PDB file of N, CA and C in Angstrom:
ATOM      1  N   MET A   1     -24.325   4.124  -0.636  1.00  0.00           N
ATOM      2  CA  MET A   1     -22.828   3.809  -0.600  1.00  0.00           C
ATOM      3  C   MET A   1     -22.506   2.797  -1.629  1.00  0.00           C
ATOM      4  N   GLU A   2     -21.247   3.127  -2.217  1.00  0.00           N
ATOM      5  CA  GLU A   2     -20.749   2.265  -3.255  1.00  0.00           C
ATOM      6  C   GLU A   2     -20.469   0.876  -2.644  1.00  0.00           C
ATOM      7  N   SER A   3     -20.442  -0.157  -3.449  1.00  0.00           N
ATOM      8  CA  SER A   3     -20.034  -1.532  -2.869  1.00  0.00           C
ATOM      9  C   SER A   3     -18.513  -1.576  -2.828  1.00  0.00           C
ATOM     10  N   LYS A   4     -18.105  -2.306  -1.877  1.00  0.00           N
ATOM     11  CA  LYS A   4     -16.772  -2.445  -1.656  1.00  0.00           C
ATOM     12  C   LYS A   4     -16.034  -3.289  -2.728  1.00  0.00           C
ATOM     13  N   TYR A   5     -14.811  -2.828  -3.078  1.00  0.00           N
ATOM     14  CA  TYR A   5     -13.960  -3.686  -4.004  1.00  0.00           C
ATOM     15  C   TYR A   5     -13.354  -4.808  -3.154  1.00  0.00           C
ATOM     16  N   SER A   6     -13.047  -5.877  -3.814  1.00  0.00           N
ATOM     17  CA  SER A   6     -12.294  -6.943  -3.039  1.00  0.00           C
ATOM     18  C   SER A   6     -10.803  -6.505  -3.194  1.00  0.00           C
ATOM     19  N   TYR A   7     -10.001  -7.184  -2.295  1.00  0.00           N
ATOM     20  CA  TYR A   7      -8.542  -6.858  -2.383  1.00  0.00           C
ATOM     21  C   TYR A   7      -7.665  -8.157  -2.080  1.00  0.00           C
ATOM     22  N   GLN A   8      -6.533  -8.048  -2.624  1.00  0.00           N
ATOM     23  CA  GLN A   8      -5.574  -9.095  -2.344  1.00  0.00           C
ATOM     24  C   GLN A   8      -4.157  -8.509  -2.275  1.00  0.00           C
ATOM     25  N   PHE A   9      -3.314  -9.225  -1.517  1.00  0.00           N
ATOM     26  CA  PHE A   9      -1.891  -8.639  -1.363  1.00  0.00           C
ATOM     27  C   PHE A   9      -0.881  -9.437  -2.420  1.00  0.00           C
ATOM     28  N   THR A  10      -0.035  -8.704  -2.813  1.00  0.00           N
ATOM     29  CA  THR A  10       1.080  -9.533  -3.563  1.00  0.00           C
ATOM     30  C   THR A  10       1.970 -10.108  -2.462  1.00  0.00           C
ATOM     31  N   LYS A  11       2.871 -10.996  -2.781  1.00  0.00           N
ATOM     32  CA  LYS A  11       3.791 -11.628  -1.757  1.00  0.00           C
ATOM     33  C   LYS A  11       4.673 -10.569  -1.139  1.00  0.00           C
ATOM     34  N   SER A  12       5.107  -9.576  -2.008  1.00  0.00           N
ATOM     35  CA  SER A  12       5.861  -8.508  -1.553  1.00  0.00           C
ATOM     36  C   SER A  12       5.210  -7.697  -0.461  1.00  0.00           C
ATOM     37  N   ALA A  13       3.912  -7.347  -0.730  1.00  0.00           N
ATOM     38  CA  ALA A  13       3.086  -6.601   0.203  1.00  0.00           C
ATOM     39  C   ALA A  13       2.866  -7.285   1.521  1.00  0.00           C
ATOM     40  N   LYS A  14       2.628  -8.632   1.536  1.00  0.00           N
ATOM     41  CA  LYS A  14       2.493  -9.351   2.716  1.00  0.00           C
ATOM     42  C   LYS A  14       3.718  -9.346   3.548  1.00  0.00           C
ATOM     43  N   ASN A  15       4.916  -9.487   2.817  1.00  0.00           N
ATOM     44  CA  ASN A  15       6.204  -9.473   3.441  1.00  0.00           C
ATOM     45  C   ASN A  15       6.479  -8.078   4.148  1.00  0.00           C
ATOM     46  N   ASP A  16       6.196  -7.065   3.307  1.00  0.00           N
ATOM     47  CA  ASP A  16       6.334  -5.697   3.722  1.00  0.00           C
ATOM     48  C   ASP A  16       5.499  -5.495   5.057  1.00  0.00           C
ATOM     49  N   LEU A  17       4.362  -5.874   5.142  1.00  0.00           N
ATOM     50  CA  LEU A  17       3.551  -5.711   6.322  1.00  0.00           C
ATOM     51  C   LEU A  17       3.986  -6.423   7.481  1.00  0.00           C
ATOM     52  N   GLU A  18       4.446  -7.644   7.234  1.00  0.00           N
ATOM     53  CA  GLU A  18       4.983  -8.435   8.383  1.00  0.00           C
ATOM     54  C   GLU A  18       6.279  -7.856   8.920  1.00  0.00           C
ATOM     55  N   GLN A  19       7.140  -7.328   7.997  1.00  0.00           N
ATOM     56  CA  GLN A  19       8.351  -6.750   8.453  1.00  0.00           C
ATOM     57  C   GLN A  19       8.145  -5.412   9.198  1.00  0.00           C
ATOM     58  N   ILE A  20       7.168  -4.551   8.748  1.00  0.00           N
ATOM     59  CA  ILE A  20       6.778  -3.299   9.418  1.00  0.00           C
ATOM     60  C   ILE A  20       6.365  -3.554  10.829  1.00  0.00           C
ATOM     61  N   LEU A  21       5.423  -4.593  10.902  1.00  0.00           N
ATOM     62  CA  LEU A  21       4.935  -4.868  12.334  1.00  0.00           C
ATOM     63  C   LEU A  21       5.873  -5.347  13.152  1.00  0.00           C
ATOM     64  N   HIS A  22       6.866  -6.271  12.653  1.00  0.00           N
ATOM     65  CA  HIS A  22       7.907  -6.871  13.480  1.00  0.00           C
ATOM     66  C   HIS A  22       8.907  -5.698  13.874  1.00  0.00           C
ATOM     67  N   TYR A  23       9.156  -4.750  12.978  1.00  0.00           N
ATOM     68  CA  TYR A  23      10.023  -3.611  13.378  1.00  0.00           C
ATOM     69  C   TYR A  23       9.443  -2.928  14.489  1.00  0.00           C
ATOM     70  N   ILE A  24       8.128  -2.436  14.220  1.00  0.00           N
ATOM     71  CA  ILE A  24       7.544  -1.613  15.369  1.00  0.00           C
ATOM     72  C   ILE A  24       7.462  -2.297  16.600  1.00  0.00           C
ATOM     73  N   LYS A  25       6.942  -3.564  16.580  1.00  0.00           N
ATOM     74  CA  LYS A  25       6.723  -4.347  17.749  1.00  0.00           C
ATOM     75  C   LYS A  25       7.952  -4.832  18.528  1.00  0.00           C
ATOM     76  N   VAL A  26       8.918  -5.355  17.728  1.00  0.00           N
ATOM     77  CA  VAL A  26      10.095  -5.959  18.322  1.00  0.00           C
ATOM     78  C   VAL A  26      11.200  -5.056  18.408  1.00  0.00           C
ATOM     79  N   GLU A  27      11.609  -4.483  17.278  1.00  0.00           N
ATOM     80  CA  GLU A  27      12.776  -3.587  17.200  1.00  0.00           C
ATOM     81  C   GLU A  27      12.651  -2.356  18.035  1.00  0.00           C
ATOM     82  N   LEU A  28      11.464  -1.676  17.879  1.00  0.00           N
ATOM     83  CA  LEU A  28      11.188  -0.510  18.638  1.00  0.00           C
ATOM     84  C   LEU A  28      10.551  -0.749  19.971  1.00  0.00           C
ATOM     85  N   ASN A  29      10.222  -1.947  20.213  1.00  0.00           N
ATOM     86  CA  ASN A  29       9.638  -2.525  21.451  1.00  0.00           C
ATOM     87  C   ASN A  29       8.370  -1.732  21.824  1.00  0.00           C
ATOM     88  N   ASN A  30       7.523  -1.587  20.819  1.00  0.00           N
ATOM     89  CA  ASN A  30       6.356  -0.765  21.026  1.00  0.00           C
ATOM     90  C   ASN A  30       5.094  -1.592  20.483  1.00  0.00           C
ATOM     91  N   PRO A  31       4.549  -2.563  21.115  1.00  0.00           N
ATOM     92  CA  PRO A  31       3.462  -3.371  20.716  1.00  0.00           C
ATOM     93  C   PRO A  31       2.210  -2.491  20.517  1.00  0.00           C
ATOM     94  N   THR A  32       2.099  -1.372  21.376  1.00  0.00           N
ATOM     95  CA  THR A  32       0.894  -0.530  21.199  1.00  0.00           C
ATOM     96  C   THR A  32       0.971   0.197  19.940  1.00  0.00           C
ATOM     97  N   ALA A  33       2.083   0.634  19.390  1.00  0.00           N
ATOM     98  CA  ALA A  33       2.145   1.407  18.170  1.00  0.00           C
ATOM     99  C   ALA A  33       2.021   0.384  17.051  1.00  0.00           C
ATOM    100  N   ALA A  34       2.444  -0.884  17.200  1.00  0.00           N
ATOM    101  CA  ALA A  34       2.115  -1.956  16.121  1.00  0.00           C
ATOM    102  C   ALA A  34       0.628  -2.123  15.914  1.00  0.00           C
ATOM    103  N   THR A  35      -0.109  -2.251  17.062  1.00  0.00           N
ATOM    104  CA  THR A  35      -1.471  -2.388  17.044  1.00  0.00           C
ATOM    105  C   THR A  35      -2.194  -1.073  16.441  1.00  0.00           C
ATOM    106  N   SER A  36      -1.738  -0.034  16.764  1.00  0.00           N
ATOM    107  CA  SER A  36      -2.235   1.301  16.208  1.00  0.00           C
ATOM    108  C   SER A  36      -1.983   1.326  14.732  1.00  0.00           C
ATOM    109  N   PHE A  37      -0.806   0.830  14.238  1.00  0.00           N
ATOM    110  CA  PHE A  37      -0.503   0.886  12.875  1.00  0.00           C
ATOM    111  C   PHE A  37      -1.472  -0.074  12.036  1.00  0.00           C
ATOM    112  N   ILE A  38      -1.629  -1.323  12.591  1.00  0.00           N
ATOM    113  CA  ILE A  38      -2.470  -2.280  11.782  1.00  0.00           C
ATOM    114  C   ILE A  38      -3.909  -1.797  11.842  1.00  0.00           C
ATOM    115  N   ASN A  39      -4.366  -1.154  12.813  1.00  0.00           N
ATOM    116  CA  ASN A  39      -5.781  -0.555  12.824  1.00  0.00           C
ATOM    117  C   ASN A  39      -5.840   0.441  11.817  1.00  0.00           C
ATOM    118  N   LYS A  40      -4.894   1.433  11.854  1.00  0.00           N
ATOM    119  CA  LYS A  40      -4.868   2.394  10.694  1.00  0.00           C
ATOM    120  C   LYS A  40      -4.847   1.793   9.307  1.00  0.00           C
ATOM    121  N   PHE A  41      -3.942   0.832   9.224  1.00  0.00           N
ATOM    122  CA  PHE A  41      -3.739   0.191   7.834  1.00  0.00           C
ATOM    123  C   PHE A  41      -5.141  -0.476   7.437  1.00  0.00           C
ATOM    124  N   GLN A  42      -5.840  -1.231   8.351  1.00  0.00           N
ATOM    125  CA  GLN A  42      -7.083  -1.757   7.945  1.00  0.00           C
ATOM    126  C   GLN A  42      -8.176  -0.740   7.613  1.00  0.00           C
ATOM    127  N   GLU A  43      -8.076   0.351   8.338  1.00  0.00           N
ATOM    128  CA  GLU A  43      -9.086   1.490   8.039  1.00  0.00           C
ATOM    129  C   GLU A  43      -8.779   2.022   6.610  1.00  0.00           C
ATOM    130  N   SER A  44      -7.488   2.166   6.321  1.00  0.00           N
ATOM    131  CA  SER A  44      -7.094   2.779   5.001  1.00  0.00           C
ATOM    132  C   SER A  44      -7.472   1.807   3.862  1.00  0.00           C
ATOM    133  N   VAL A  45      -7.246   0.490   4.058  1.00  0.00           N
ATOM    134  CA  VAL A  45      -7.788  -0.437   3.036  1.00  0.00           C
ATOM    135  C   VAL A  45      -9.174  -0.387   2.882  1.00  0.00           C
ATOM    136  N   THR A  46      -9.938  -0.261   3.948  1.00  0.00           N
ATOM    137  CA  THR A  46     -11.408  -0.254   3.842  1.00  0.00           C
ATOM    138  C   THR A  46     -11.792   0.982   3.065  1.00  0.00           C
ATOM    139  N   ASN A  47     -11.044   2.158   3.291  1.00  0.00           N
ATOM    140  CA  ASN A  47     -11.428   3.416   2.512  1.00  0.00           C
ATOM    141  C   ASN A  47     -11.079   3.189   1.005  1.00  0.00           C
ATOM    142  N   ILE A  48      -9.975   2.577   0.766  1.00  0.00           N
ATOM    143  CA  ILE A  48      -9.623   2.258  -0.625  1.00  0.00           C
ATOM    144  C   ILE A  48     -10.626   1.352  -1.263  1.00  0.00           C
ATOM    145  N   GLN A  49     -11.143   0.330  -0.570  1.00  0.00           N
ATOM    146  CA  GLN A  49     -12.143  -0.503  -1.041  1.00  0.00           C
ATOM    147  C   GLN A  49     -13.378   0.226  -1.445  1.00  0.00           C
ATOM    148  N   LEU A  50     -13.715   1.362  -0.744  1.00  0.00           N
ATOM    149  CA  LEU A  50     -14.917   2.086  -0.918  1.00  0.00           C
ATOM    150  C   LEU A  50     -14.798   3.064  -2.071  1.00  0.00           C
ATOM    151  N   PHE A  51     -13.554   3.700  -2.074  1.00  0.00           N
ATOM    152  CA  PHE A  51     -13.249   4.810  -3.005  1.00  0.00           C
ATOM    153  C   PHE A  51     -11.866   4.523  -3.657  1.00  0.00           C
ATOM    154  N   PRO A  52     -11.791   3.541  -4.483  1.00  0.00           N
ATOM    155  CA  PRO A  52     -10.435   3.120  -4.868  1.00  0.00           C
ATOM    156  C   PRO A  52      -9.627   4.214  -5.819  1.00  0.00           C
ATOM    157  N   ASN A  53     -10.379   4.954  -6.501  1.00  0.00           N
ATOM    158  CA  ASN A  53      -9.751   6.009  -7.336  1.00  0.00           C
ATOM    159  C   ASN A  53      -9.467   7.313  -6.827  1.00  0.00           C
ATOM    160  N   SER A  54      -9.680   7.395  -5.466  1.00  0.00           N
ATOM    161  CA  SER A  54      -9.618   8.753  -4.809  1.00  0.00           C
ATOM    162  C   SER A  54      -8.178   9.079  -4.465  1.00  0.00           C
ATOM    163  N   TRP A  55      -7.242   8.291  -4.407  1.00  0.00           N
ATOM    164  CA  TRP A  55      -5.863   8.600  -4.001  1.00  0.00           C
ATOM    165  C   TRP A  55      -5.014   8.860  -5.231  1.00  0.00           C
ATOM    166  N   PRO A  56      -3.940   9.551  -5.087  1.00  0.00           N
ATOM    167  CA  PRO A  56      -3.185  10.096  -6.281  1.00  0.00           C
ATOM    168  C   PRO A  56      -2.446   8.888  -6.946  1.00  0.00           C
ATOM    169  N   LYS A  57      -2.366   9.162  -8.331  1.00  0.00           N
ATOM    170  CA  LYS A  57      -1.617   8.237  -9.091  1.00  0.00           C
ATOM    171  C   LYS A  57      -0.133   8.451  -8.970  1.00  0.00           C
ATOM    172  N   VAL A  58       0.573   7.442  -9.043  1.00  0.00           N
ATOM    173  CA  VAL A  58       2.034   7.539  -8.997  1.00  0.00           C
ATOM    174  C   VAL A  58       2.505   8.055 -10.360  1.00  0.00           C
ATOM    175  N   ILE A  59       3.207   9.161 -10.414  1.00  0.00           N
ATOM    176  CA  ILE A  59       3.826   9.564 -11.656  1.00  0.00           C
ATOM    177  C   ILE A  59       5.313   9.421 -11.529  1.00  0.00           C
ATOM    178  N   ASN A  60       5.807   8.574 -12.448  1.00  0.00           N
ATOM    179  CA  ASN A  60       7.237   8.318 -12.354  1.00  0.00           C
ATOM    180  C   ASN A  60       7.877   7.839 -13.751  1.00  0.00           C
ATOM    181  N   LYS A  61       8.995   8.306 -14.007  1.00  0.00           N
ATOM    182  CA  LYS A  61       9.592   8.147 -15.352  1.00  0.00           C
ATOM    183  C   LYS A  61       9.839   6.666 -15.606  1.00  0.00           C
ATOM    184  N   PHE A  62       9.893   5.811 -14.564  1.00  0.00           N
ATOM    185  CA  PHE A  62      10.154   4.404 -14.803  1.00  0.00           C
ATOM    186  C   PHE A  62       8.864   3.559 -15.046  1.00  0.00           C
ATOM    187  N   LEU A  63       7.674   4.164 -14.753  1.00  0.00           N
ATOM    188  CA  LEU A  63       6.362   3.525 -15.084  1.00  0.00           C
ATOM    189  C   LEU A  63       5.854   3.872 -16.412  1.00  0.00           C
ATOM    190  N   PRO A  64       5.554   2.864 -17.203  1.00  0.00           N
ATOM    191  CA  PRO A  64       4.830   3.062 -18.508  1.00  0.00           C
ATOM    192  C   PRO A  64       3.586   3.772 -18.191  1.00  0.00           C
ATOM    193  N   GLU A  65       3.227   4.673 -19.157  1.00  0.00           N
ATOM    194  CA  GLU A  65       1.926   5.403 -19.018  1.00  0.00           C
ATOM    195  C   GLU A  65       0.740   4.573 -18.805  1.00  0.00           C
ATOM    196  N   TYR A  66       0.682   3.451 -19.444  1.00  0.00           N
ATOM    197  CA  TYR A  66      -0.531   2.580 -19.437  1.00  0.00           C
ATOM    198  C   TYR A  66      -0.603   1.846 -18.045  1.00  0.00           C
ATOM    199  N   ILE A  67       0.375   1.820 -17.221  1.00  0.00           N
ATOM    200  CA  ILE A  67       0.267   1.216 -15.829  1.00  0.00           C
ATOM    201  C   ILE A  67      -0.174   2.366 -14.894  1.00  0.00           C
ATOM    202  N   ILE A  68      -1.289   2.151 -14.222  1.00  0.00           N
ATOM    203  CA  ILE A  68      -1.753   3.056 -13.277  1.00  0.00           C
ATOM    204  C   ILE A  68      -1.499   2.467 -11.875  1.00  0.00           C
ATOM    205  N   ILE A  69      -0.782   3.054 -11.087  1.00  0.00           N
ATOM    206  CA  ILE A  69      -0.579   2.734  -9.637  1.00  0.00           C
ATOM    207  C   ILE A  69      -0.922   3.859  -8.785  1.00  0.00           C
ATOM    208  N   ARG A  70      -1.663   3.618  -7.705  1.00  0.00           N
ATOM    209  CA  ARG A  70      -2.082   4.654  -6.842  1.00  0.00           C
ATOM    210  C   ARG A  70      -1.283   4.500  -5.491  1.00  0.00           C
ATOM    211  N   LYS A  71      -1.333   5.503  -4.760  1.00  0.00           N
ATOM    212  CA  LYS A  71      -0.617   5.493  -3.465  1.00  0.00           C
ATOM    213  C   LYS A  71      -1.468   6.131  -2.353  1.00  0.00           C
ATOM    214  N   LYS A  72      -1.281   5.617  -1.069  1.00  0.00           N
ATOM    215  CA  LYS A  72      -1.958   6.153   0.056  1.00  0.00           C
ATOM    216  C   LYS A  72      -0.902   6.145   1.125  1.00  0.00           C
ATOM    217  N   LEU A  73      -0.831   7.289   1.807  1.00  0.00           N
ATOM    218  CA  LEU A  73       0.070   7.424   2.953  1.00  0.00           C
ATOM    219  C   LEU A  73      -0.549   6.908   4.224  1.00  0.00           C
ATOM    220  N   ILE A  74       0.103   6.043   4.909  1.00  0.00           N
ATOM    221  CA  ILE A  74      -0.383   5.515   6.273  1.00  0.00           C
ATOM    222  C   ILE A  74       0.881   5.763   7.234  1.00  0.00           C
ATOM    223  N   ASN A  75       0.659   6.671   8.156  1.00  0.00           N
ATOM    224  CA  ASN A  75       1.761   7.127   8.988  1.00  0.00           C
ATOM    225  C   ASN A  75       3.018   7.331   8.134  1.00  0.00           C
ATOM    226  N   ASN A  76       4.177   6.703   8.463  1.00  0.00           N
ATOM    227  CA  ASN A  76       5.473   6.954   7.665  1.00  0.00           C
ATOM    228  C   ASN A  76       5.549   5.979   6.567  1.00  0.00           C
ATOM    229  N   TYR A  77       4.506   5.445   6.095  1.00  0.00           N
ATOM    230  CA  TYR A  77       4.485   4.386   4.990  1.00  0.00           C
ATOM    231  C   TYR A  77       3.611   4.730   3.911  1.00  0.00           C
ATOM    232  N   ILE A  78       4.008   4.187   2.633  1.00  0.00           N
ATOM    233  CA  ILE A  78       3.174   4.436   1.514  1.00  0.00           C
ATOM    234  C   ILE A  78       2.668   3.073   1.051  1.00  0.00           C
ATOM    235  N   LEU A  79       1.433   2.960   0.916  1.00  0.00           N
ATOM    236  CA  LEU A  79       0.756   1.709   0.399  1.00  0.00           C
ATOM    237  C   LEU A  79       0.557   1.962  -1.158  1.00  0.00           C
ATOM    238  N   TYR A  80       1.122   1.244  -1.996  1.00  0.00           N
ATOM    239  CA  TYR A  80       0.958   1.270  -3.419  1.00  0.00           C
ATOM    240  C   TYR A  80       0.010   0.178  -3.819  1.00  0.00           C
ATOM    241  N   TYR A  81      -0.937   0.596  -4.641  1.00  0.00           N
ATOM    242  CA  TYR A  81      -1.944  -0.425  -5.074  1.00  0.00           C
ATOM    243  C   TYR A  81      -2.401  -0.122  -6.595  1.00  0.00           C
ATOM    244  N   SER A  82      -3.033  -1.120  -7.117  1.00  0.00           N
ATOM    245  CA  SER A  82      -3.587  -1.017  -8.529  1.00  0.00           C
ATOM    246  C   SER A  82      -5.004  -1.337  -8.444  1.00  0.00           C
ATOM    247  N   VAL A  83      -5.796  -0.750  -9.364  1.00  0.00           N
ATOM    248  CA  VAL A  83      -7.256  -1.042  -9.312  1.00  0.00           C
ATOM    249  C   VAL A  83      -7.729  -1.569 -10.575  1.00  0.00           C
ATOM    250  N   ASN A  84      -8.641  -2.582 -10.437  1.00  0.00           N
ATOM    251  CA  ASN A  84      -9.208  -3.174 -11.638  1.00  0.00           C
ATOM    252  C   ASN A  84     -10.667  -2.937 -11.535  1.00  0.00           C
ATOM    253  N   ASP A  85     -11.180  -1.804 -12.118  1.00  0.00           N
ATOM    254  CA  ASP A  85     -12.580  -1.520 -12.047  1.00  0.00           C
ATOM    255  C   ASP A  85     -13.596  -2.469 -12.693  1.00  0.00           C
ATOM    256  N   ASN A  86     -13.155  -3.147 -13.646  1.00  0.00           N
ATOM    257  CA  ASN A  86     -13.995  -4.125 -14.319  1.00  0.00           C
ATOM    258  C   ASN A  86     -14.276  -5.371 -13.289  1.00  0.00           C
ATOM    259  N   LEU A  87     -13.243  -5.687 -12.650  1.00  0.00           N
ATOM    260  CA  LEU A  87     -13.382  -6.883 -11.665  1.00  0.00           C
ATOM    261  C   LEU A  87     -13.765  -6.340 -10.197  1.00  0.00           C
ATOM    262  N   LYS A  88     -13.820  -5.114 -10.094  1.00  0.00           N
ATOM    263  CA  LYS A  88     -13.963  -4.501  -8.729  1.00  0.00           C
ATOM    264  C   LYS A  88     -13.045  -4.948  -7.727  1.00  0.00           C
ATOM    265  N   SER A  89     -11.743  -5.027  -8.175  1.00  0.00           N
ATOM    266  CA  SER A  89     -10.697  -5.454  -7.217  1.00  0.00           C
ATOM    267  C   SER A  89      -9.519  -4.570  -7.066  1.00  0.00           C
ATOM    268  N   ILE A  90      -8.850  -4.720  -5.982  1.00  0.00           N
ATOM    269  CA  ILE A  90      -7.561  -3.939  -5.710  1.00  0.00           C
ATOM    270  C   ILE A  90      -6.490  -4.877  -5.376  1.00  0.00           C
ATOM    271  N   ILE A  91      -5.302  -4.534  -5.936  1.00  0.00           N
ATOM    272  CA  ILE A  91      -4.078  -5.391  -5.637  1.00  0.00           C
ATOM    273  C   ILE A  91      -3.191  -4.515  -4.954  1.00  0.00           C
ATOM    274  N   ILE A  92      -2.817  -4.893  -3.662  1.00  0.00           N
ATOM    275  CA  ILE A  92      -1.949  -4.162  -2.880  1.00  0.00           C
ATOM    276  C   ILE A  92      -0.598  -4.661  -3.171  1.00  0.00           C
ATOM    277  N   LEU A  93       0.145  -3.750  -3.792  1.00  0.00           N
ATOM    278  CA  LEU A  93       1.469  -4.096  -4.368  1.00  0.00           C
ATOM    279  C   LEU A  93       2.608  -4.109  -3.384  1.00  0.00           C
ATOM    280  N   ARG A  94       2.824  -3.030  -2.653  1.00  0.00           N
ATOM    281  CA  ARG A  94       3.849  -2.808  -1.748  1.00  0.00           C
ATOM    282  C   ARG A  94       3.428  -1.883  -0.658  1.00  0.00           C
ATOM    283  N   ILE A  95       4.126  -1.903   0.482  1.00  0.00           N
ATOM    284  CA  ILE A  95       3.926  -1.071   1.642  1.00  0.00           C
ATOM    285  C   ILE A  95       5.467  -0.756   2.062  1.00  0.00           C
ATOM    286  N   VAL A  96       5.771   0.525   1.811  1.00  0.00           N
ATOM    287  CA  VAL A  96       7.164   0.879   1.936  1.00  0.00           C
ATOM    288  C   VAL A  96       7.349   2.123   2.764  1.00  0.00           C
ATOM    289  N   PHE A  97       8.541   2.260   3.482  1.00  0.00           N
ATOM    290  CA  PHE A  97       8.759   3.458   4.232  1.00  0.00           C
ATOM    291  C   PHE A  97       8.807   4.678   3.335  1.00  0.00           C
ATOM    292  N   SER A  98       8.147   5.751   3.700  1.00  0.00           N
ATOM    293  CA  SER A  98       7.957   6.839   2.898  1.00  0.00           C
ATOM    294  C   SER A  98       9.211   7.588   2.332  1.00  0.00           C
ATOM    295  N   HIS A  99      10.315   7.331   3.133  1.00  0.00           N
ATOM    296  CA  HIS A  99      11.536   8.119   2.771  1.00  0.00           C
ATOM    297  C   HIS A  99      12.451   7.096   1.798  1.00  0.00           C
ATOM    298  N   ARG A 100      11.850   5.942   1.458  1.00  0.00           N
ATOM    299  CA  ARG A 100      12.806   5.009   0.517  1.00  0.00           C
ATOM    300  C   ARG A 100      12.799   5.714  -0.851  1.00  0.00           C
ATOM    301  N   ASP A 101      13.730   5.327  -1.676  1.00  0.00           N
ATOM    302  CA  ASP A 101      13.983   5.756  -3.059  1.00  0.00           C
ATOM    303  C   ASP A 101      12.995   5.160  -3.945  1.00  0.00           C
ATOM    304  N   THR A 102      11.836   5.880  -4.268  1.00  0.00           N
ATOM    305  CA  THR A 102      10.806   5.368  -5.099  1.00  0.00           C
ATOM    306  C   THR A 102      11.252   5.007  -6.490  1.00  0.00           C
ATOM    307  N   ASP A 103      12.044   5.819  -7.020  1.00  0.00           N
ATOM    308  CA  ASP A 103      12.670   5.630  -8.318  1.00  0.00           C
ATOM    309  C   ASP A 103      13.349   4.229  -8.497  1.00  0.00           C
ATOM    310  N   ASN A 104      14.145   3.974  -7.389  1.00  0.00           N
ATOM    311  CA  ASN A 104      14.790   2.763  -7.358  1.00  0.00           C
ATOM    312  C   ASN A 104      13.799   1.486  -7.283  1.00  0.00           C
ATOM    313  N   ILE A 105      12.793   1.636  -6.543  1.00  0.00           N
ATOM    314  CA  ILE A 105      11.757   0.659  -6.368  1.00  0.00           C
ATOM    315  C   ILE A 105      11.077   0.391  -7.723  1.00  0.00           C
ATOM    316  N   LEU A 106      10.769   1.510  -8.428  1.00  0.00           N
ATOM    317  CA  LEU A 106      10.004   1.323  -9.763  1.00  0.00           C
ATOM    318  C   LEU A 106      11.041   0.807 -10.857  1.00  0.00           C
ATOM    319  N   LYS A 107      12.227   1.358 -10.824  1.00  0.00           N
ATOM    320  CA  LYS A 107      13.185   1.055 -11.807  1.00  0.00           C
ATOM    321  C   LYS A 107      13.456  -0.334 -11.805  1.00  0.00           C
ATOM    322  N   ASN A 108      13.539  -0.900 -10.592  1.00  0.00           N
ATOM    323  CA  ASN A 108      13.818  -2.457 -10.527  1.00  0.00           C
ATOM    324  C   ASN A 108      12.746  -3.295 -10.437  1.00  0.00           C
ATOM    325  N   LYS A 109      11.575  -2.680 -10.762  1.00  0.00           N
ATOM    326  CA  LYS A 109      10.195  -3.451 -10.916  1.00  0.00           C
ATOM    327  C   LYS A 109       9.884  -4.092  -9.535  1.00  0.00           C
ATOM    328  N   ASN A 110      10.179  -3.367  -8.375  1.00  0.00           N
ATOM    329  CA  ASN A 110       9.947  -4.067  -7.135  1.00  0.00           C
ATOM    330  C   ASN A 110       8.545  -3.623  -6.491  1.00  0.00           C
ATOM    331  N   LEU A 111       7.735  -3.416  -7.432  1.00  0.00           N
ATOM    332  CA  LEU A 111       6.263  -2.983  -7.019  1.00  0.00           C
ATOM    333  C   LEU A 111       5.426  -4.211  -7.157  1.00  0.00           C
TER     334      LEU A 111
END
């Protein structure tokens, strides 16, 4: 088995995750679903750590070709991340609702 890559969150990604969990737990009043989401999220991050280049690259007109960002769907959310193979590390950039306007996020450099 390959060794795991380390990972870290951007401030935006930490904030995204906190807001998602708050929304599910408090706004939707569904703590069970919040627990289920965090478990699936942790499982997804572990899979990314083991196989970081397995998920699709983000292709977007607002991203320069030299910037490689990948994405992984987790329920109704997309986890955006970048990989540094030299350092064996992953940066979790954002976690956003899958129906948000990706062009707008990328155009405004909100990743």
